[in-house]
Every structure is written in structure tokens, then in C-alpha cells.
């Protein structure tokens, strides 16, 4: 062991499992419900999942060039600094700390506790309620899961590596089982054919104050707007693939293994997500038809608490399906947070070495991991658990992520011009067309979100902009 230095102990398989494990959390089991309510058409929903997969893979292929050029701890933070300078990289780190990383850790932990409530219903009980805050037993369990994972990862990268391998392997196996059994059972019924009978007839389902359901047909610009707004759900489910770049300092041969792990991990998860949604559509009715306002009280749109995965499992396994799916989601969310906690601390470690984060965060403990950075991350994520606003967090954290993905990939063009002779072990696939296409499509989604969900998208933008005065305060004593 080398004291005071990050140890390169993670191979290609470890890095790939980190990519896949960080991506697969609770979203794939939940977000199909709001997506179907937003667009009502099975064909368009599958298109959105395919588009999400392509966007994610295109971004991963582009990031490979930057990862090969700069195989350093901090990953995306380092890439942005190289292309744009310190202030922009600080804004990224600030946003990751305030909402992107810690916010997603909190949301995933709350989801973990929510499904633990299937086994322990008392977790749903409130233990404190005031005009300003309410705290349930479940929120304390969420915080407890963050503390446990932070402690285990602070004892050395080997612990995080083993946990990631166990939990990611388990949830990949379980998801494949859900897909295979779901398609095998569902395709023997007429549910799939009924769901795809009018696969392009889009409509939005809105619950009125009276309790009745209003069906709003969508076409033209209204359809494009609805598609652009609801794709945030699938993008949220596919986010965090970039976390492997944060931990580059501990990956063997990072110039080769990070680009490969980005491609393999995102491709595996994309295939799983598309197949999982096809399995849902084979097992569950959409829930309401375009020519009727009668809610079925079941299916994809109206799954209890949006738990589409649990509804699908109940068709396969009967009443035991709810228990099985709850256990699977607990495994999935616990493993997801392990990857997020492991990787995120390395970004804050890199910021601290630049003097842009708490000084303690740059110190490595006797296990050669940045434990102080990890605990700072854990404390803030734990506080965010008390908000419990999963839906709002989904939009503004993902919107902020998309802004920095665009900036990072545009940085490839900047660095190609500024540093034409720098060694590039891997060059962005399809350059300049694939990176440019990613930027255009993602920019269009961001504009759409600002138009159709200004409150939450605007909150994401505001959080980014709040980092500007913080940066000047943090650097006011630096020599000009």
C-alpha cells in the first residue's frame, strides 16, 4: 500500500459494473407511469427509451476521448477545467455537490426506505411534523443507509469494489429474469397487442379536482413539447454513467479502461431498459384508453405509487410479486448508492486539491481514500433526505446534469483546436457529427424543459448560477 496516494486497484470489469450499477437505481421501476400519463402512446414511449439510450451512448463515446487525455481523479470536473478554466469547473463541482450527486444519493436512499416499508410498514409513520418539516421513520432509514455505505467505502476502495460487484451482479440477474419471464408470460396474452394497437395516438391524462380524468389529445408542437418534457424521466433513470470518470485515479490503465467501461456499461443498461419497458407493456395495460375517461385503477398509468415494476412482478409471481420486487428495488437502490458514494467523493477530493472545496476533503485516510470528502458528501445528502421531494429533484438535477454534459462535450471541439498535438489514446466516435448531434438534441431537450417545466428546470439553472458569487468568495484571496 502506498500511503497518501490513490491506489490503482480497479480493472475493466470493476469500472463497467460501476457505470451500470450507478445508472440502475429506482427509476426503471417507477418512471414508466408518469411517462405514460404524459404521452399515452406505447410507441412513443419506446421511442423515448431508445432515444435516451442513444443519447447516453453517444455521450459516453464522446467522453472516452477526454478520459483518455486526462485519466485523473475528478473526471468531468478536470475536463471542464481544461477546456473552460477554473470558474466553470467550480460551477460544475458546486452543482454536483448541492444537487446532482448528493440529491440523487438522497432520492435513491429515500426510494430504498420506501420499499423497505413493504417489509416494515411502520417506516411510513411520522415521528415529527411541524409547519416547516416532517420526518418519518423511513427518512431516518434513508439517512442510515447513506451513513452505512459512507462508512464502508471510507474503509478502503476494496470494500466499495466488492459491494459494487455483488449488488450490480444481483440486480442485473434479477432484471434479466424479470424481462425474460415478463415477455414469456405477457406475450401469451393479448395485452401487448392491445397496447400497441394505436401505438402512435398520443394523449395526456390529467386528474381533475373532481377526481375524474381528462384526456388531452396531443399532436404537432404539443406532442413534441410533451415528448421533450417527459423524456427527463428516462434520462434521470439513465444518469450517473459519468461517475466512473471521477474515480479515474484508482482505475488500472485508465486511458483504455475508462472509454471501454463507458461504452460497455451504457450499452448494457440501455438494452435492459428498453427490454424492461417492453416487458411492462406485455404484462400491464396502459390503464386508460384515448376514447374513454374511465380509469382502470391498475396498469402502467395508475400503478400504486407509480410502482410499475411491482405491478409487473405481481402478474408474474402473484401476490408474492410485490415482495419480490420490493426486495429487488432495495438491492438495486443500495447498490446504486454504493457507486454514487464511492465515485462522488473523488470529485470533491479533486476540487479540494485545487483550493475550491473544504480543505479537509483533499486528505486521504490510512486506507488511501478521501474519507473527509466522503463524509461531507454524506452529511449533505442526509440533510436532503429530509426534503423527500423525489419528483422535483428528478427534473432540476437532471436538467443541471444535461447543461454540463453539453458543455463537456463541446469542450472536445475546444480542446481539439487548443491542443491539437495532445496525445489522444481514444478519439471520440463519429467526430464531429456524433458529438454535435448529441449537443443539438440535448440542447433542444433543455429548451423544451424551460418552456414546459420552467419552475423545476429554472431551479436547476438557478442552482448553477448561485455558484458564481460563491466562486468569487472562495477565490477572493487568490493572487490576480
Protein backbone atom coordinates (compact mmCIF):
# COMPACT_ATOMS: atom_id res chain seq x y z
CA UNK A 1 0.00 0.00 0.00
CA UNK A 2 1.24 3.46 -0.95
CA UNK A 3 0.50 5.92 1.83
CA UNK A 4 -1.07 9.23 0.82
CA UNK A 5 -1.75 8.20 -2.75
CA UNK A 6 -4.80 6.87 -4.57
CA UNK A 7 -4.21 3.21 -5.45
CA UNK A 8 -4.99 1.86 -8.91
CA UNK A 9 -6.89 -1.30 -7.98
CA UNK A 10 -9.97 -1.31 -10.24
CA UNK A 11 -9.98 -3.18 -13.55
CA UNK A 12 -12.23 -3.01 -16.63
CA UNK A 13 -14.92 -5.24 -15.08
CA UNK A 14 -15.00 -3.13 -11.91
CA UNK A 15 -15.28 0.08 -13.93
CA UNK A 16 -18.05 -1.36 -16.13
CA UNK A 17 -20.01 -2.53 -13.07
CA UNK A 18 -19.60 0.96 -11.59
CA UNK A 19 -21.10 2.51 -14.74
CA UNK A 20 -24.02 0.06 -14.87
CA UNK A 21 -24.57 -0.03 -11.12
CA UNK A 22 -24.62 3.75 -10.78
CA UNK A 23 -27.18 4.02 -13.59
CA UNK A 24 -29.63 1.38 -12.38
CA UNK A 25 -31.42 2.64 -9.30
CA UNK A 26 -35.15 3.00 -8.74
CA UNK A 27 -36.10 4.94 -11.89
CA UNK A 28 -36.59 1.97 -14.22
CA UNK A 29 -39.23 0.56 -11.85
CA UNK A 30 -41.17 3.81 -11.49
CA UNK A 31 -40.88 6.36 -14.30
CA UNK A 32 -42.90 4.43 -16.91
CA UNK A 33 -46.07 5.56 -15.07
CA UNK A 34 -45.59 9.36 -15.39
CA UNK A 35 -44.25 8.88 -18.93
CA UNK A 36 -47.37 7.00 -19.98
CA UNK A 37 -49.62 9.59 -18.35
CA UNK A 38 -47.75 12.33 -20.23
CA UNK A 39 -47.93 10.79 -23.72
CA UNK A 40 -50.35 7.81 -23.57
CA UNK A 41 -48.82 6.06 -26.57
CA UNK A 42 -46.74 2.91 -26.21
CA UNK A 43 -44.92 3.52 -29.50
CA UNK A 44 -43.77 6.97 -28.45
CA UNK A 45 -42.70 5.69 -25.03
CA UNK A 46 -40.41 3.06 -26.57
CA UNK A 47 -39.06 5.73 -28.94
CA UNK A 48 -38.15 7.87 -25.92
CA UNK A 49 -36.30 4.99 -24.25
CA UNK A 50 -34.41 4.25 -27.48
CA UNK A 51 -33.58 7.95 -27.88
CA UNK A 52 -32.43 8.12 -24.24
CA UNK A 53 -30.18 5.13 -24.83
CA UNK A 54 -28.67 6.63 -27.98
CA UNK A 55 -28.11 9.99 -26.28
CA UNK A 56 -26.39 8.28 -23.35
CA UNK A 57 -24.20 6.05 -25.54
CA UNK A 58 -23.26 9.00 -27.80
CA UNK A 59 -22.22 10.98 -24.73
CA UNK A 60 -20.25 8.05 -23.33
CA UNK A 61 -18.42 7.55 -26.64
CA UNK A 62 -17.54 11.25 -26.69
CA UNK A 63 -16.35 11.25 -23.07
CA UNK A 64 -13.93 8.47 -23.94
CA UNK A 65 -11.65 10.95 -25.70
CA UNK A 66 -11.50 13.23 -22.68
CA UNK A 67 -11.00 10.30 -20.30
CA UNK A 68 -8.06 9.07 -22.37
CA UNK A 69 -6.49 12.54 -22.43
CA UNK A 70 -6.98 13.21 -18.70
CA UNK A 71 -7.01 9.99 -16.67
CA UNK A 72 -7.12 11.87 -13.37
CA UNK A 73 -9.29 11.72 -10.25
CA UNK A 74 -12.20 14.13 -10.63
CA UNK A 75 -13.04 13.17 -14.20
CA UNK A 76 -15.60 15.55 -15.69
CA UNK A 77 -14.52 18.32 -13.31
CA UNK A 78 -10.98 18.06 -14.75
CA UNK A 79 -12.24 18.01 -18.34
CA UNK A 80 -14.30 21.17 -17.86
CA UNK A 81 -11.39 22.97 -16.20
CA UNK A 82 -9.03 22.09 -19.05
CA UNK A 83 -11.47 23.42 -21.66
CA UNK A 84 -13.04 26.41 -19.87
CA UNK A 85 -10.97 27.30 -16.82
CA UNK A 86 -11.42 27.21 -13.06
CA UNK A 87 -14.69 29.08 -12.68
CA UNK A 88 -16.67 26.80 -14.97
CA UNK A 89 -15.23 23.69 -13.33
CA UNK A 90 -16.15 25.13 -9.93
CA UNK A 91 -19.73 25.71 -11.11
CA UNK A 92 -19.87 22.07 -12.13
CA UNK A 93 -18.45 20.86 -8.82
CA UNK A 94 -20.74 23.21 -6.90
CA UNK A 95 -23.80 21.88 -8.74
CA UNK A 96 -22.70 18.27 -8.29
CA UNK A 97 -22.31 18.84 -4.56
CA UNK A 98 -25.51 20.82 -3.98
CA UNK A 99 -27.90 18.73 -6.06
CA UNK A 100 -26.63 16.42 -8.81
CA UNK A 101 -24.67 13.85 -6.80
CA UNK A 102 -25.94 14.40 -3.29
CA UNK A 103 -29.51 14.99 -4.46
CA UNK A 104 -29.59 11.74 -6.41
CA UNK A 105 -27.99 9.89 -3.46
CA UNK A 106 -30.79 11.28 -1.29
CA UNK A 107 -33.54 10.37 -3.78
CA UNK A 108 -32.21 6.84 -4.19
CA UNK A 109 -31.89 6.42 -0.41
CA UNK A 110 -35.50 7.59 0.06
CA UNK A 111 -36.59 5.06 -2.58
CA UNK A 112 -34.66 2.35 -0.70
CA UNK A 113 -36.51 3.23 2.51
CA UNK A 114 -39.85 3.44 0.71
CA UNK A 115 -39.54 -0.15 -0.49
CA UNK A 116 -38.23 -1.27 2.90
CA UNK A 117 -41.65 -0.10 4.06
CA UNK A 118 -43.18 -3.08 2.23
CA UNK A 119 -41.49 -5.31 4.81
CA UNK A 120 -41.77 -2.88 7.72
CA UNK A 121 -44.97 -0.78 7.32
CA UNK A 122 -44.15 1.22 10.45
CA UNK A 123 -41.44 3.02 8.45
CA UNK A 124 -44.20 5.13 6.89
CA UNK A 125 -45.13 6.61 10.29
CA UNK A 126 -44.29 10.23 11.05
CA UNK A 127 -42.18 10.86 14.13
CA UNK A 128 -42.11 14.67 13.80
CA UNK A 129 -44.41 17.06 11.98
CA UNK A 130 -44.32 20.86 12.08
CA UNK A 131 -45.31 23.67 9.73
CA UNK A 132 -41.83 23.58 8.22
CA UNK A 133 -40.72 19.96 8.24
CA UNK A 134 -41.98 16.43 8.66
CA UNK A 135 -39.76 13.47 9.45
CA UNK A 136 -40.76 9.84 9.07
CA UNK A 137 -39.08 6.64 10.19
CA UNK A 138 -38.41 5.95 6.50
CA UNK A 139 -36.38 9.13 6.11
CA UNK A 140 -34.24 8.06 9.05
CA UNK A 141 -33.70 4.68 7.39
CA UNK A 142 -32.68 6.51 4.20
CA UNK A 143 -30.14 8.53 6.16
CA UNK A 144 -28.96 5.37 7.90
CA UNK A 145 -28.30 3.65 4.55
CA UNK A 146 -26.16 6.62 3.45
CA UNK A 147 -24.18 6.51 6.70
CA UNK A 148 -23.57 2.75 6.41
CA UNK A 149 -22.37 2.98 2.79
CA UNK A 150 -20.21 6.00 3.54
CA UNK A 151 -18.58 4.16 6.44
CA UNK A 152 -17.93 1.01 4.39
CA UNK A 153 -16.44 2.98 1.49
CA UNK A 154 -14.29 5.05 3.86
CA UNK A 155 -12.56 1.82 4.91
CA UNK A 156 -10.93 1.38 1.50
CA UNK A 157 -11.77 1.18 -2.18
CA UNK A 158 -11.73 -2.62 -1.99
CA UNK A 159 -14.90 -2.55 0.13
CA UNK A 160 -16.69 -0.40 -2.45
CA UNK A 161 -15.43 -2.64 -5.25
CA UNK A 162 -16.77 -5.82 -3.61
CA UNK A 163 -20.12 -4.24 -2.74
CA UNK A 164 -20.49 -2.92 -6.28
CA UNK A 165 -19.77 -6.31 -7.81
CA UNK A 166 -22.22 -8.12 -5.53
CA UNK A 167 -25.13 -5.69 -5.82
CA UNK A 168 -24.74 -4.85 -9.52
CA UNK A 169 -24.47 -8.53 -10.48
CA UNK A 170 -27.54 -9.32 -8.38
CA UNK A 171 -29.71 -6.62 -9.90
CA UNK A 172 -28.59 -7.37 -13.46
CA UNK A 173 -29.51 -11.03 -12.93
CA UNK A 174 -32.87 -10.09 -11.39
CA UNK A 175 -33.70 -7.60 -14.16
CA UNK A 176 -32.91 -10.15 -16.86
CA UNK A 177 -35.14 -12.66 -15.05
CA UNK A 178 -37.95 -10.06 -14.89
CA UNK A 179 -37.56 -9.34 -18.61
CA UNK A 180 -37.41 -12.99 -19.73
CA UNK A 181 -40.31 -14.14 -17.54
CA UNK A 182 -42.29 -10.99 -18.30
CA UNK A 183 -42.04 -11.38 -22.06
CA UNK A 184 -42.58 -15.15 -21.90
CA UNK A 185 -45.78 -14.78 -19.85
CA UNK A 186 -47.02 -11.50 -21.27
CA UNK A 187 -46.75 -12.45 -24.95
CA UNK A 188 -49.13 -15.35 -24.33
CA UNK A 189 -51.88 -12.82 -23.62
CA UNK A 190 -53.37 -10.06 -25.77
CA UNK A 191 -52.14 -7.21 -23.53
CA UNK A 192 -49.11 -6.45 -25.71
CA UNK A 193 -51.11 -6.31 -28.95
CA UNK A 194 -53.75 -4.10 -27.31
CA UNK A 195 -51.11 -1.70 -26.00
CA UNK A 196 -49.64 -1.36 -29.49
CA UNK A 197 -52.95 -1.26 -31.38
CA UNK A 198 -52.91 2.54 -31.53
CA UNK A 199 -49.26 2.95 -30.69
CA UNK A 200 -48.85 6.49 -32.10
CA UNK A 201 -52.09 8.03 -30.76
CA UNK A 202 -50.67 10.33 -28.10
CA UNK A 203 -52.65 11.96 -25.30
CA UNK A 204 -52.03 13.42 -21.86
CA UNK A 205 -54.01 12.09 -18.90
CA UNK A 206 -54.75 14.72 -16.24
CA UNK A 207 -56.64 14.23 -12.99
CA UNK A 208 -59.21 16.96 -12.42
CA UNK A 209 -60.09 18.40 -8.97
CA UNK A 210 -63.36 16.44 -9.18
CA UNK A 211 -61.40 13.20 -9.29
CA UNK A 212 -62.29 12.47 -12.91
CA UNK A 213 -59.68 12.02 -15.63
CA UNK A 214 -59.32 14.43 -18.53
CA UNK A 215 -57.84 13.13 -21.78
CA UNK A 216 -56.00 15.73 -23.86
CA UNK A 217 -55.05 14.59 -27.41
CA UNK A 218 -51.51 15.51 -28.46
CA UNK A 219 -50.23 16.27 -31.93
CA UNK A 220 -47.84 18.65 -33.68
CA UNK A 221 -45.95 21.03 -31.41
CA UNK A 222 -47.96 19.93 -28.36
CA UNK A 223 -46.75 16.36 -28.91
CA UNK A 224 -43.15 17.47 -29.41
CA UNK A 225 -43.34 19.52 -26.23
CA UNK A 226 -44.79 16.62 -24.24
CA UNK A 227 -42.12 14.23 -25.54
CA UNK A 228 -39.34 16.70 -24.70
CA UNK A 229 -40.69 17.24 -21.20
CA UNK A 230 -41.32 13.61 -20.26
CA UNK A 231 -38.01 12.29 -21.60
CA UNK A 232 -36.50 13.79 -18.45
CA UNK A 233 -37.86 10.70 -16.65
CA UNK A 234 -35.91 8.22 -18.76
CA UNK A 235 -32.83 10.48 -18.78
CA UNK A 236 -32.92 10.57 -14.98
CA UNK A 237 -33.04 6.76 -14.92
CA UNK A 238 -30.02 6.64 -17.24
CA UNK A 239 -27.94 9.29 -15.49
CA UNK A 240 -24.78 8.86 -13.37
CA UNK A 241 -22.95 6.90 -16.11
CA UNK A 242 -20.18 9.54 -15.93
CA UNK A 243 -19.34 8.67 -12.31
CA UNK A 244 -16.62 6.29 -13.43
CA UNK A 245 -14.60 9.29 -14.64
CA UNK A 246 -14.48 10.68 -11.08
CA UNK A 247 -12.55 7.65 -9.88
CA UNK A 248 -10.03 7.55 -12.73
CA UNK A 249 -7.14 7.84 -10.28
CA UNK A 250 -7.93 4.34 -8.96
CA UNK A 251 -8.53 2.55 -12.29
CA UNK A 252 -5.81 0.44 -13.87
CA UNK A 253 -4.78 1.63 -17.35
CA UNK A 254 -7.48 4.36 -17.29
CA UNK A 255 -6.67 5.60 -20.79
CA UNK A 256 -8.10 2.36 -22.18
CA UNK A 257 -10.38 1.04 -19.47
CA UNK A 258 -12.48 4.17 -18.86
CA UNK A 259 -13.59 4.60 -22.50
CA UNK A 260 -14.33 0.87 -22.74
CA UNK A 261 -16.27 0.79 -19.47
CA UNK A 262 -18.33 3.83 -20.52
CA UNK A 263 -19.37 2.11 -23.75
CA UNK A 264 -20.00 -1.35 -22.27
CA UNK A 265 -21.84 -0.06 -19.20
CA UNK A 266 -24.16 2.35 -21.03
CA UNK A 267 -24.92 -0.18 -23.78
CA UNK A 268 -25.81 -2.93 -21.29
CA UNK A 269 -28.14 -0.65 -19.33
CA UNK A 270 -29.77 0.75 -22.50
CA UNK A 271 -30.65 -2.75 -23.72
CA UNK A 272 -32.01 -3.70 -20.28
CA UNK A 273 -34.16 -0.57 -20.05
CA UNK A 274 -35.74 -1.00 -23.48
CA UNK A 275 -36.47 -4.68 -22.83
CA UNK A 276 -37.86 -3.93 -19.36
CA UNK A 277 -40.35 -1.45 -20.81
CA UNK A 278 -41.39 -3.97 -23.46
CA UNK A 279 -41.95 -6.46 -20.64
CA UNK A 280 -44.14 -3.92 -18.81
CA UNK A 281 -46.18 -3.40 -21.97
CA UNK A 282 -46.54 -7.16 -22.39
CA UNK A 283 -47.82 -7.63 -18.83
CA UNK A 284 -49.79 -4.49 -17.95
CA UNK A 285 -52.47 -2.50 -19.80
CA UNK A 286 -51.75 1.18 -20.27
CA UNK A 287 -54.52 1.95 -17.80
CA UNK A 288 -56.84 4.18 -19.80
CA UNK A 289 -57.77 4.46 -23.47
CA UNK A 290 -57.79 7.61 -25.58
CA UNK A 291 -61.56 7.40 -26.15
CA UNK A 292 -62.52 6.77 -22.52
CA UNK A 293 -62.08 8.64 -19.25
CA UNK A 294 -62.63 5.56 -17.09
CA UNK A 295 -59.53 4.76 -15.08
CA UNK A 296 -58.88 1.07 -14.68
CA UNK A 297 -57.17 1.62 -11.35
CA UNK A 298 -54.32 -0.57 -12.47
CA UNK A 299 -51.87 -0.93 -15.31
CA UNK A 300 -48.98 1.37 -16.12
CA UNK A 301 -50.59 4.80 -15.75
CA UNK A 302 -52.29 4.04 -12.46
CA UNK A 303 -49.86 1.70 -10.77
CA UNK A 304 -49.98 2.23 -7.00
CA UNK A 305 -47.43 4.93 -6.10
CA UNK A 306 -46.19 4.61 -9.73
CA UNK A 307 -44.64 1.22 -8.85
CA UNK A 308 -44.89 -0.24 -12.34
CA UNK A 309 -42.18 -2.81 -11.61
CA UNK A 310 -44.19 -4.15 -8.66
CA UNK A 311 -47.31 -4.36 -10.84
CA UNK A 312 -45.40 -6.34 -13.46
CA UNK A 313 -43.94 -8.69 -10.84
CA UNK A 314 -47.39 -9.35 -9.38
CA UNK A 315 -48.54 -10.61 -12.80
CA UNK A 316 -45.56 -13.00 -12.95
CA UNK A 317 -45.41 -14.18 -9.35
CA UNK A 318 -48.89 -13.41 -7.99
CA UNK A 319 -49.20 -11.81 -4.56
CA UNK A 320 -45.56 -12.67 -3.82
CA UNK A 321 -44.53 -10.40 -6.71
CA UNK A 322 -44.83 -7.27 -4.58
CA UNK A 323 -42.44 -8.71 -2.00
CA UNK A 324 -40.02 -9.93 -4.68
CA UNK A 325 -39.98 -6.56 -6.45
CA UNK A 326 -39.56 -4.64 -3.20
CA UNK A 327 -36.51 -6.77 -2.39
CA UNK A 328 -35.12 -6.26 -5.91
CA UNK A 329 -35.51 -2.48 -5.71
CA UNK A 330 -33.86 -2.42 -2.29
CA UNK A 331 -30.89 -4.32 -3.75
CA UNK A 332 -30.88 -2.03 -6.80
CA UNK A 333 -31.00 1.24 -4.86
CA UNK A 334 -28.46 0.12 -2.25
CA UNK A 335 -26.01 -0.90 -4.98
CA UNK A 336 -26.68 2.29 -6.94
CA UNK A 337 -25.88 4.47 -3.94
CA UNK A 338 -22.72 2.50 -3.25
CA UNK A 339 -21.40 3.52 -6.68
CA UNK A 340 -22.52 7.13 -6.29
CA UNK A 341 -20.95 7.49 -2.84
CA UNK A 342 -17.74 5.79 -3.94
CA UNK A 343 -17.28 7.97 -7.03
CA UNK A 344 -18.65 11.35 -5.93
CA UNK A 345 -16.14 11.81 -3.13
CA UNK A 346 -13.27 11.69 -5.64
CA UNK A 347 -14.63 14.73 -7.46
CA UNK A 348 -14.73 16.74 -4.22
CA UNK A 349 -11.21 15.48 -3.46
CA UNK A 350 -10.05 16.90 -6.82
CA UNK A 351 -11.80 20.21 -6.12
CA UNK A 352 -10.14 20.45 -2.73
CA UNK A 353 -6.67 19.94 -4.21
CA UNK A 354 -7.43 22.99 -6.38
CA UNK A 355 -8.46 25.01 -3.34
CA UNK A 356 -12.12 25.06 -4.42
CA UNK A 357 -13.64 22.89 -1.70
CA UNK A 358 -13.23 22.27 2.04
CA UNK A 359 -9.53 21.81 2.84
CA UNK A 360 -10.10 18.56 4.72
CA UNK A 361 -11.57 16.96 1.60
CA UNK A 362 -8.13 16.60 -0.03
CA UNK A 363 -6.77 14.43 2.79
CA UNK A 364 -6.57 10.67 2.36
CA UNK A 365 -7.07 8.44 5.38
CA UNK A 366 -4.97 5.39 6.27
CA UNK A 367 -6.94 3.36 3.71
CA UNK A 368 -5.89 5.83 0.98
CA UNK A 369 -9.39 7.11 0.28
CA UNK A 370 -10.69 10.70 0.68
CA UNK A 371 -12.86 9.87 3.69
CA UNK A 372 -13.43 13.52 4.70
CA UNK A 373 -14.80 14.31 1.25
CA UNK A 374 -16.98 11.22 1.53
CA UNK A 375 -18.43 12.22 4.91
CA UNK A 376 -19.07 15.82 3.78
CA UNK A 377 -20.97 14.40 0.80
CA UNK A 378 -22.86 12.01 3.09
CA UNK A 379 -23.89 14.71 5.56
CA UNK A 380 -25.35 16.97 2.85
CA UNK A 381 -27.12 14.04 1.14
CA UNK A 382 -28.59 13.05 4.51
CA UNK A 383 -29.99 16.55 5.00
CA UNK A 384 -31.53 16.40 1.52
CA UNK A 385 -33.30 13.18 2.51
CA UNK A 386 -35.46 15.27 4.82
CA UNK A 387 -36.94 17.14 1.84
CA UNK A 388 -38.26 13.92 0.26
CA UNK A 389 -39.24 15.72 -2.96
CA UNK A 390 -38.25 12.98 -5.41
CA UNK A 391 -40.24 14.32 -8.38
CA UNK A 392 -38.91 17.89 -8.27
CA UNK A 393 -35.38 16.65 -7.68
CA UNK A 394 -35.67 14.44 -10.74
CA UNK A 395 -36.21 17.43 -13.04
CA UNK A 396 -33.83 20.05 -11.73
CA UNK A 397 -30.94 17.69 -11.02
CA UNK A 398 -31.20 16.08 -14.45
CA UNK A 399 -31.60 19.46 -16.15
CA UNK A 400 -28.42 20.69 -14.46
CA UNK A 401 -26.63 17.48 -15.47
CA UNK A 402 -27.63 17.95 -19.10
CA UNK A 403 -26.25 21.51 -19.15
CA UNK A 404 -22.83 20.27 -18.05
CA UNK A 405 -22.91 17.28 -20.39
CA UNK A 406 -23.40 19.73 -23.25
CA UNK A 407 -20.54 21.94 -22.04
CA UNK A 408 -18.23 18.96 -21.53
CA UNK A 409 -18.81 17.51 -24.98
CA UNK A 410 -18.45 20.94 -26.58
CA UNK A 411 -15.11 21.00 -24.76
CA UNK A 412 -13.93 18.29 -27.15
CA UNK A 413 -14.18 20.80 -30.01
CA UNK A 414 -12.39 23.45 -27.94
CA UNK A 415 -9.53 21.14 -26.95
CA UNK A 416 -9.12 19.81 -30.49
CA UNK A 417 -8.44 23.42 -31.53
CA UNK A 418 -6.41 24.50 -28.46
CA UNK A 419 -4.36 21.31 -28.10
CA UNK A 420 -4.16 19.60 -31.49
CA UNK A 421 -0.94 17.77 -30.62
CA UNK A 422 -2.01 16.38 -27.23
CA UNK A 423 -1.98 12.58 -27.09
CA UNK A 424 -5.46 11.11 -27.55
CA UNK A 425 -5.35 7.33 -26.96
CA UNK A 426 -9.02 7.20 -27.92
CA UNK A 427 -10.79 9.65 -30.24
CA UNK A 428 -14.50 10.47 -29.99
CA UNK A 429 -16.51 8.10 -32.18
CA UNK A 430 -18.04 9.80 -35.22
CA UNK A 431 -16.34 13.15 -34.51
CA UNK A 432 -17.54 15.82 -35.25
CA UNK A 433 -21.00 14.51 -36.18
CA UNK A 434 -21.91 12.32 -33.17
CA UNK A 435 -20.77 14.88 -30.54
CA UNK A 436 -22.51 17.69 -32.46
CA UNK A 437 -25.71 15.65 -32.76
CA UNK A 438 -25.66 14.98 -29.02
CA UNK A 439 -25.25 18.70 -28.28
CA UNK A 440 -28.13 19.69 -30.58
CA UNK A 441 -30.57 17.05 -29.31
CA UNK A 442 -29.77 17.66 -25.64
CA UNK A 443 -29.92 21.43 -26.08
CA UNK A 444 -33.37 21.04 -27.63
CA UNK A 445 -34.50 18.98 -24.61
CA UNK A 446 -33.20 21.69 -22.22
CA UNK A 447 -35.06 24.43 -24.11
CA UNK A 448 -38.20 22.29 -24.10
CA UNK A 449 -37.92 21.83 -20.34
CA UNK A 450 -37.53 25.57 -19.78
CA UNK A 451 -40.71 26.11 -21.79
CA UNK A 452 -42.84 23.27 -20.36
CA UNK A 453 -41.46 22.94 -16.82
CA UNK A 454 -39.97 26.35 -16.07
CA UNK A 455 -40.27 26.06 -12.28
CA UNK A 456 -38.13 22.94 -11.86
CA UNK A 457 -35.81 23.47 -14.84
CA UNK A 458 -35.37 27.08 -13.75
CA UNK A 459 -34.49 25.87 -10.25
CA UNK A 460 -31.72 23.73 -11.76
CA UNK A 461 -30.40 26.74 -13.68
CA UNK A 462 -30.63 28.94 -10.58
CA UNK A 463 -28.56 26.49 -8.54
CA UNK A 464 -25.84 26.60 -11.20
CA UNK A 465 -25.85 30.41 -11.29
CA UNK A 466 -25.71 30.69 -7.50
CA UNK A 467 -22.27 29.14 -7.75
CA UNK A 468 -20.88 32.28 -9.43
CA UNK A 469 -20.82 34.52 -6.30
CA UNK A 470 -19.69 31.51 -4.25
CA UNK A 471 -16.72 31.07 -6.61
CA UNK A 472 -15.63 34.69 -6.24
CA UNK A 473 -15.93 34.43 -2.46
CA UNK A 474 -13.88 31.21 -2.46
CA UNK A 475 -11.11 32.69 -4.63
CA UNK A 476 -11.06 36.27 -3.30
CA UNK A 477 -7.64 35.77 -1.62
CA UNK A 478 -6.01 34.17 -4.64
CA UNK A 479 -3.38 36.30 -6.44
CA UNK A 480 -4.80 38.01 -9.50
